[in-house]
Amino acid sequence: MSDRFRITLAQLNPTVGDIAGNAAKARDAWEKGKAAGADLVALPEMFLTGYQAQDLIVKPAFVAHVQNELTALAEACADGPALAIGGPCVGEDLKLHNSYFVLHGGKIASTVHKYFLPNFNVFDEVRLFSRDMMQGPVAVNGVRIGMPICEDAWYPDVVEAHEESGAEFILVPNGSPYFRDKFETRLNHMVARVVESGLPLIYLNMVGGQDDQVFDGGSFVLNPGGVPAVQLPTFDEVISHVDMERTDTGWRALDGDFAQHPDAMEQDYRVMVTALRDYMAKTGFKKVLLGLSGGIDSAIVATIAVDALGAENVRCVMLPSEYTSQGSLDDAKAVAENLGCRYDFLPIGKTRDAVTETLASLFVDTEADLTEENVQSRIRGLLLMALSNKFGEMLLTTGNKSEVAVGYATIYGDMAGGYNPIKDMYKTRVFDCCRWRNANHRDWMMGPEGAVIPEAIITKPPSAELREDQKDSDSLPDYPVLDGILEILVDEDGSIADCVAAGYDRADAKRIEHLLYISEYKRFQSAPGARLSKRAFWLDRRYPIVNRWRDPS
């Protein structure tokens, strides 16, 4: 019986639906593990299909394709270490399962089915998969390894069953997406499993962006007592070899790679960059464009785009009207020049005059109002979409979470576009994010170092500049108040009474609640964006478009 066991952890980035490409990545990791003398090469949950595949996973042709690729992968990896990889499986019960396969000796040697199916936040697995009975550990080269899949390790039951049936250590394959400060939550749960079972635990997570979600990696290994032995970096693809050693008191992981993780602001920014970079790469787009207004939101989106794609792949367009201040003109041009990206100047005055003239006969005897303001926004959306169509550049939208929440955006205007990097970042945090980026640069950023966002953009009062002397505060409470109320109503699912208890004016809270609910139809049609919190607008928060309920408290 061997006293050493080497596991190669492949913290990699799959693409949903690219079954052959994901299999090729798994094969490459297996080759590296084989060269390093590994006993087992492990990949994350549902790696073969990519995660989350949503309803794609229930198409019989898709599942059959996965099974064919899995068989071919087993045959290709016959001469060497075992390979563990996640994917869908039709079980003996003829139901579909979220499964983890161990390939060895040219065949599928073992299959483990997920027991606890998450059905909250962005997860909908109860609808997609079936639960199987709890299973025992899997034997690899004479060592019994418990393999609870992701959610199975968040509760005591499955790990306890593995320990009671002879598991010598635990390997947890995950597809766990980012939200702010989630690593501590994961770590606390896994420490609890280690303390309860007395077994070492290996937590393997994937990386990369998929739609609104980013999987942030940060894989780690814990020894009994919850003592960390290995900690892999966040967001980066990494292949790391972990050595387990049998001792008089059971298996232990030897100390290995140990990366320090960045703070929450850096992780948020990295998520927005990664989300956009992978969304582009995985959908086939190469270049983006955006309307650069001279305001803070478009400035940070332009910076994210350059950091994700490089300046040569970003076009910034200033579309001024008579209400655009000289300060905004100067600030927008400065951002583009600081970032080194293309800057186009496209005034909307003549187009607006033509629209005004066209509508004049029907608008006669009416007062100018929000309609005329929105026409300006929709002209900008029209022109930007024309550029997008002509040059094959994906249009980015630039609305922050505060604006998205209360509908402070024009549908078919500034909401037009394919992706919104800051969709889940409140306005007050956008200011902090700009200051952070001006002061920090990392090797994963493709943009330049230094204060790329002028201080004037950060300090001036926010304005849509759709009428004379307009300020956002004309229509909304000041952003610290607005964001504080929204954090209670949206992120905490709190009540009006909770807002009042926190010190906010009840009239402000009721007004914001009303705007939040009547803007649901806009969010339903809005572009996807990077998920930073547990209550992002899309799968995390699913409200009816038609809704007459209001909190009576």
Foldseek 3Di string as FASTA:
>chain_A
DDQKAKEKFWQEAAFAQPLVVLLVSLLVLQVVCQVVQHQEYEAFFQSNRGPPNPPVQVDPVSLVVNVVSVLVSLQVNAPGHKYKYWHWDLDPVRWIFGWIFIRYNSGGPDIDGAADQDPAQQGNVVVPGDHDDADEFDAGPNATEAEHEAVSLLDQPNLVRHLVRPHQAYEYHYADWDAFPCVVVVLVSNLVNLAVRVHKYWYFYYAAADFQTTTWTQTWIAHRNSHTQETDETRDGDIFMWMWGQDPSGIDIHRDHHDDYDHRLVVLLVLLLRHVLRVCVSVVAQAAEEEQQLALQSLVVQQSRCQNRNQARYEYEHADEPLRDPNSVVQSVLLNVQFVHHYHYHYCHVVLVVVCVVCCVVCPPHDDDVVSLLVSQLSQLVVRVVVCVVPVHWYEAGDACLCLQLVVHHVNGSLDTAEYARNDPAPVVSLVSLVVQQQDDDPSTNTDHHNSRDPCNSPDADAPSSDHPGGPCVPAPPRVLSVVLCCQCFVVVHALVVSVVVPHDSVNSQSSQVSRLQSLVVLVPGHTYHHHHSGGPDSNDDDDNDDDDHGPD
